[in-house]
Amino acid sequence: MFERCNRKRLTLTPHYDPRVEDMVVNEVLSAFNLFEEELVKAEEEEKRRKEAE
């Protein structure tokens, strides 16, 4: 015979907290924005170098 496990399952749905999702989304967006800004700055700097030559 098999016994059922009484241990709680580790799932996100019963303990879902929208604040955590908002925090993660904001963190990812801010990291993406920083990366995009650095990329734009690098492209502008490269254009300036080519124009200066």
PDB file of N, CA and C in Angstrom:
ATOM      1  N   MET A   1       0.837  -1.198   0.000  1.00  0.00           N
ATOM      2  CA  MET A   1       0.000   0.000   0.000  1.00  0.00           C
ATOM      3  C   MET A   1       0.875   1.253   0.000  1.00  0.00           C
ATOM      4  N   PHE A   2       0.335   2.294  -0.619  1.00  0.00           N
ATOM      5  CA  PHE A   2       1.035   3.576  -0.663  1.00  0.00           C
ATOM      6  C   PHE A   2       0.427   4.536   0.344  1.00  0.00           C
ATOM      7  N   GLU A   3       1.288   5.303   0.992  1.00  0.00           N
ATOM      8  CA  GLU A   3       0.785   6.336   1.905  1.00  0.00           C
ATOM      9  C   GLU A   3       0.875   7.681   1.216  1.00  0.00           C
ATOM     10  N   ARG A   4      -0.106   8.496   1.478  1.00  0.00           N
ATOM     11  CA  ARG A   4      -0.076   9.847   0.919  1.00  0.00           C
ATOM     12  C   ARG A   4       0.877  10.708   1.733  1.00  0.00           C
ATOM     13  N   CYS A   5       1.617  11.548   1.042  1.00  0.00           N
ATOM     14  CA  CYS A   5       2.552  12.442   1.718  1.00  0.00           C
ATOM     15  C   CYS A   5       1.774  13.638   2.276  1.00  0.00           C
ATOM     16  N   ASN A   6       1.965  13.919   3.545  1.00  0.00           N
ATOM     17  CA  ASN A   6       1.274  15.053   4.163  1.00  0.00           C
ATOM     18  C   ASN A   6       2.098  16.336   4.106  1.00  0.00           C
ATOM     19  N   ARG A   7       3.245  16.259   3.476  1.00  0.00           N
ATOM     20  CA  ARG A   7       4.114  17.419   3.379  1.00  0.00           C
ATOM     21  C   ARG A   7       3.498  18.454   2.438  1.00  0.00           C
ATOM     22  N   LYS A   8       3.648  19.729   2.782  1.00  0.00           N
ATOM     23  CA  LYS A   8       3.094  20.782   1.932  1.00  0.00           C
ATOM     24  C   LYS A   8       3.922  20.892   0.662  1.00  0.00           C
ATOM     25  N   ARG A   9       3.235  21.128  -0.436  1.00  0.00           N
ATOM     26  CA  ARG A   9       3.931  21.291  -1.710  1.00  0.00           C
ATOM     27  C   ARG A   9       4.416  22.725  -1.847  1.00  0.00           C
ATOM     28  N   LEU A  10       5.572  22.879  -2.461  1.00  0.00           N
ATOM     29  CA  LEU A  10       6.138  24.210  -2.653  1.00  0.00           C
ATOM     30  C   LEU A  10       5.671  24.779  -3.988  1.00  0.00           C
ATOM     31  N   THR A  11       4.526  25.417  -3.968  1.00  0.00           N
ATOM     32  CA  THR A  11       4.003  26.036  -5.186  1.00  0.00           C
ATOM     33  C   THR A  11       3.815  27.518  -4.937  1.00  0.00           C
ATOM     34  N   LEU A  12       3.778  28.297  -6.007  1.00  0.00           N
ATOM     35  CA  LEU A  12       3.629  29.740  -5.875  1.00  0.00           C
ATOM     36  C   LEU A  12       2.173  30.161  -5.699  1.00  0.00           C
ATOM     37  N   THR A  13       1.254  29.395  -6.244  1.00  0.00           N
ATOM     38  CA  THR A  13      -0.133  29.861  -6.287  1.00  0.00           C
ATOM     39  C   THR A  13      -0.780  30.105  -4.925  1.00  0.00           C
ATOM     40  N   PRO A  14      -0.633  29.243  -3.924  1.00  0.00           N
ATOM     41  CA  PRO A  14      -1.336  29.547  -2.670  1.00  0.00           C
ATOM     42  C   PRO A  14      -0.770  30.763  -1.944  1.00  0.00           C
ATOM     43  N   HIS A  15       0.511  31.037  -2.146  1.00  0.00           N
ATOM     44  CA  HIS A  15       1.157  32.136  -1.434  1.00  0.00           C
ATOM     45  C   HIS A  15       1.498  33.265  -2.394  1.00  0.00           C
ATOM     46  N   TYR A  16       0.730  33.383  -3.456  1.00  0.00           N
ATOM     47  CA  TYR A  16       1.026  34.380  -4.484  1.00  0.00           C
ATOM     48  C   TYR A  16       0.875  35.783  -3.920  1.00  0.00           C
ATOM     49  N   ASP A  17       1.883  36.600  -4.133  1.00  0.00           N
ATOM     50  CA  ASP A  17       1.845  37.984  -3.660  1.00  0.00           C
ATOM     51  C   ASP A  17       2.163  38.900  -4.836  1.00  0.00           C
ATOM     52  N   PRO A  18       1.200  39.703  -5.277  1.00  0.00           N
ATOM     53  CA  PRO A  18       1.446  40.572  -6.441  1.00  0.00           C
ATOM     54  C   PRO A  18       2.545  41.597  -6.198  1.00  0.00           C
ATOM     55  N   ARG A  19       2.796  41.945  -4.926  1.00  0.00           N
ATOM     56  CA  ARG A  19       3.864  42.915  -4.648  1.00  0.00           C
ATOM     57  C   ARG A  19       5.218  42.355  -5.044  1.00  0.00           C
ATOM     58  N   VAL A  20       5.405  41.052  -4.832  1.00  0.00           N
ATOM     59  CA  VAL A  20       6.674  40.418  -5.206  1.00  0.00           C
ATOM     60  C   VAL A  20       6.836  40.464  -6.719  1.00  0.00           C
ATOM     61  N   GLU A  21       5.761  40.168  -7.439  1.00  0.00           N
ATOM     62  CA  GLU A  21       5.829  40.210  -8.903  1.00  0.00           C
ATOM     63  C   GLU A  21       6.153  41.620  -9.380  1.00  0.00           C
ATOM     64  N   ASP A  22       5.503  42.630  -8.800  1.00  0.00           N
ATOM     65  CA  ASP A  22       5.779  44.016  -9.181  1.00  0.00           C
ATOM     66  C   ASP A  22       7.238  44.366  -8.928  1.00  0.00           C
ATOM     67  N   MET A  23       7.772  43.938  -7.791  1.00  0.00           N
ATOM     68  CA  MET A  23       9.159  44.239  -7.461  1.00  0.00           C
ATOM     69  C   MET A  23      10.104  43.609  -8.486  1.00  0.00           C
ATOM     70  N   VAL A  24       9.846  42.353  -8.834  1.00  0.00           N
ATOM     71  CA  VAL A  24      10.706  41.655  -9.794  1.00  0.00           C
ATOM     72  C   VAL A  24      10.612  42.317 -11.166  1.00  0.00           C
ATOM     73  N   VAL A  25       9.390  42.641 -11.594  1.00  0.00           N
ATOM     74  CA  VAL A  25       9.209  43.282 -12.902  1.00  0.00           C
ATOM     75  C   VAL A  25       9.928  44.622 -12.931  1.00  0.00           C
ATOM     76  N   ASN A  26       9.790  45.414 -11.880  1.00  0.00           N
ATOM     77  CA  ASN A  26      10.459  46.714 -11.831  1.00  0.00           C
ATOM     78  C   ASN A  26      11.973  46.561 -11.846  1.00  0.00           C
ATOM     79  N   GLU A  27      12.476  45.550 -11.144  1.00  0.00           N
ATOM     80  CA  GLU A  27      13.920  45.312 -11.119  1.00  0.00           C
ATOM     81  C   GLU A  27      14.441  44.954 -12.508  1.00  0.00           C
ATOM     82  N   VAL A  28      13.710  44.077 -13.196  1.00  0.00           N
ATOM     83  CA  VAL A  28      14.120  43.660 -14.540  1.00  0.00           C
ATOM     84  C   VAL A  28      14.047  44.844 -15.499  1.00  0.00           C
ATOM     85  N   LEU A  29      12.979  45.635 -15.405  1.00  0.00           N
ATOM     86  CA  LEU A  29      12.841  46.793 -16.289  1.00  0.00           C
ATOM     87  C   LEU A  29      13.947  47.814 -16.047  1.00  0.00           C
ATOM     88  N   SER A  30      14.280  48.063 -14.793  1.00  0.00           N
ATOM     89  CA  SER A  30      15.334  49.036 -14.516  1.00  0.00           C
ATOM     90  C   SER A  30      16.682  48.528 -15.025  1.00  0.00           C
ATOM     91  N   ALA A  31      16.942  47.236 -14.879  1.00  0.00           N
ATOM     92  CA  ALA A  31      18.193  46.674 -15.398  1.00  0.00           C
ATOM     93  C   ALA A  31      18.229  46.784 -16.917  1.00  0.00           C
ATOM     94  N   PHE A  32      17.098  46.522 -17.573  1.00  0.00           N
ATOM     95  CA  PHE A  32      17.041  46.629 -19.031  1.00  0.00           C
ATOM     96  C   PHE A  32      17.253  48.069 -19.471  1.00  0.00           C
ATOM     97  N   ASN A  33      16.634  49.026 -18.758  1.00  0.00           N
ATOM     98  CA  ASN A  33      16.795  50.438 -19.104  1.00  0.00           C
ATOM     99  C   ASN A  33      18.243  50.877 -18.943  1.00  0.00           C
ATOM    100  N   LEU A  34      18.902  50.438 -17.879  1.00  0.00           N
ATOM    101  CA  LEU A  34      20.312  50.778 -17.688  1.00  0.00           C
ATOM    102  C   LEU A  34      21.163  50.233 -18.835  1.00  0.00           C
ATOM    103  N   PHE A  35      20.898  48.985 -19.217  1.00  0.00           N
ATOM    104  CA  PHE A  35      21.641  48.374 -20.314  1.00  0.00           C
ATOM    105  C   PHE A  35      21.416  49.149 -21.605  1.00  0.00           C
ATOM    106  N   GLU A  36      20.155  49.533 -21.858  1.00  0.00           N
ATOM    107  CA  GLU A  36      19.824  50.261 -23.084  1.00  0.00           C
ATOM    108  C   GLU A  36      20.504  51.628 -23.106  1.00  0.00           C
ATOM    109  N   GLU A  37      20.515  52.325 -21.959  1.00  0.00           N
ATOM    110  CA  GLU A  37      21.180  53.625 -21.887  1.00  0.00           C
ATOM    111  C   GLU A  37      22.674  53.487 -22.160  1.00  0.00           C
ATOM    112  N   GLU A  38      23.298  52.478 -21.577  1.00  0.00           N
ATOM    113  CA  GLU A  38      24.730  52.268 -21.806  1.00  0.00           C
ATOM    114  C   GLU A  38      25.005  51.962 -23.271  1.00  0.00           C
ATOM    115  N   LEU A  39      24.128  51.202 -23.893  1.00  0.00           N
ATOM    116  CA  LEU A  39      24.289  50.865 -25.304  1.00  0.00           C
ATOM    117  C   LEU A  39      24.196  52.117 -26.167  1.00  0.00           C
ATOM    118  N   VAL A  40      23.217  52.975 -25.889  1.00  0.00           N
ATOM    119  CA  VAL A  40      23.046  54.215 -26.651  1.00  0.00           C
ATOM    120  C   VAL A  40      24.264  55.112 -26.458  1.00  0.00           C
ATOM    121  N   LYS A  41      24.752  55.226 -25.224  1.00  0.00           N
ATOM    122  CA  LYS A  41      25.937  56.049 -24.964  1.00  0.00           C
ATOM    123  C   LYS A  41      27.143  55.518 -25.726  1.00  0.00           C
ATOM    124  N   ALA A  42      27.309  54.204 -25.744  1.00  0.00           N
ATOM    125  CA  ALA A  42      28.441  53.604 -26.450  1.00  0.00           C
ATOM    126  C   ALA A  42      28.339  53.870 -27.949  1.00  0.00           C
ATOM    127  N   GLU A  43      27.126  53.777 -28.502  1.00  0.00           N
ATOM    128  CA  GLU A  43      26.946  54.045 -29.934  1.00  0.00           C
ATOM    129  C   GLU A  43      27.247  55.502 -30.254  1.00  0.00           C
ATOM    130  N   GLU A  44      26.781  56.427 -29.406  1.00  0.00           N
ATOM    131  CA  GLU A  44      27.048  57.851 -29.633  1.00  0.00           C
ATOM    132  C   GLU A  44      28.541  58.141 -29.545  1.00  0.00           C
ATOM    133  N   GLU A  45      29.203  57.532 -28.579  1.00  0.00           N
ATOM    134  CA  GLU A  45      30.646  57.740 -28.424  1.00  0.00           C
ATOM    135  C   GLU A  45      31.398  57.216 -29.646  1.00  0.00           C
ATOM    136  N   GLU A  46      30.953  56.078 -30.168  1.00  0.00           N
ATOM    137  CA  GLU A  46      31.589  55.510 -31.357  1.00  0.00           C
ATOM    138  C   GLU A  46      31.399  56.434 -32.560  1.00  0.00           C
ATOM    139  N   LYS A  47      30.207  57.029 -32.688  1.00  0.00           N
ATOM    140  CA  LYS A  47      29.953  57.972 -33.787  1.00  0.00           C
ATOM    141  C   LYS A  47      30.861  59.184 -33.663  1.00  0.00           C
ATOM    142  N   ARG A  48      31.017  59.695 -32.433  1.00  0.00           N
ATOM    143  CA  ARG A  48      31.885  60.860 -32.215  1.00  0.00           C
ATOM    144  C   ARG A  48      33.329  60.537 -32.584  1.00  0.00           C
ATOM    145  N   ARG A  49      33.779  59.339 -32.232  1.00  0.00           N
ATOM    146  CA  ARG A  49      35.154  58.947 -32.566  1.00  0.00           C
ATOM    147  C   ARG A  49      35.356  58.897 -34.073  1.00  0.00           C
ATOM    148  N   LYS A  50      34.360  58.350 -34.786  1.00  0.00           N
ATOM    149  CA  LYS A  50      34.485  58.263 -36.241  1.00  0.00           C
ATOM    150  C   LYS A  50      34.473  59.645 -36.874  1.00  0.00           C
ATOM    151  N   GLU A  51      33.651  60.563 -36.326  1.00  0.00           N
ATOM    152  CA  GLU A  51      33.594  61.925 -36.861  1.00  0.00           C
ATOM    153  C   GLU A  51      34.881  62.679 -36.570  1.00  0.00           C
ATOM    154  N   ALA A  52      35.524  62.397 -35.465  1.00  0.00           N
ATOM    155  CA  ALA A  52      36.746  63.099 -35.072  1.00  0.00           C
ATOM    156  C   ALA A  52      37.935  62.680 -35.934  1.00  0.00           C
ATOM    157  N   GLU A  53      37.860  61.490 -36.518  1.00  0.00           N
ATOM    158  CA  GLU A  53      39.004  61.010 -37.315  1.00  0.00           C
ATOM    159  C   GLU A  53      39.119  61.720 -38.633  1.00  0.00           C
TER     160      GLU A  53
END
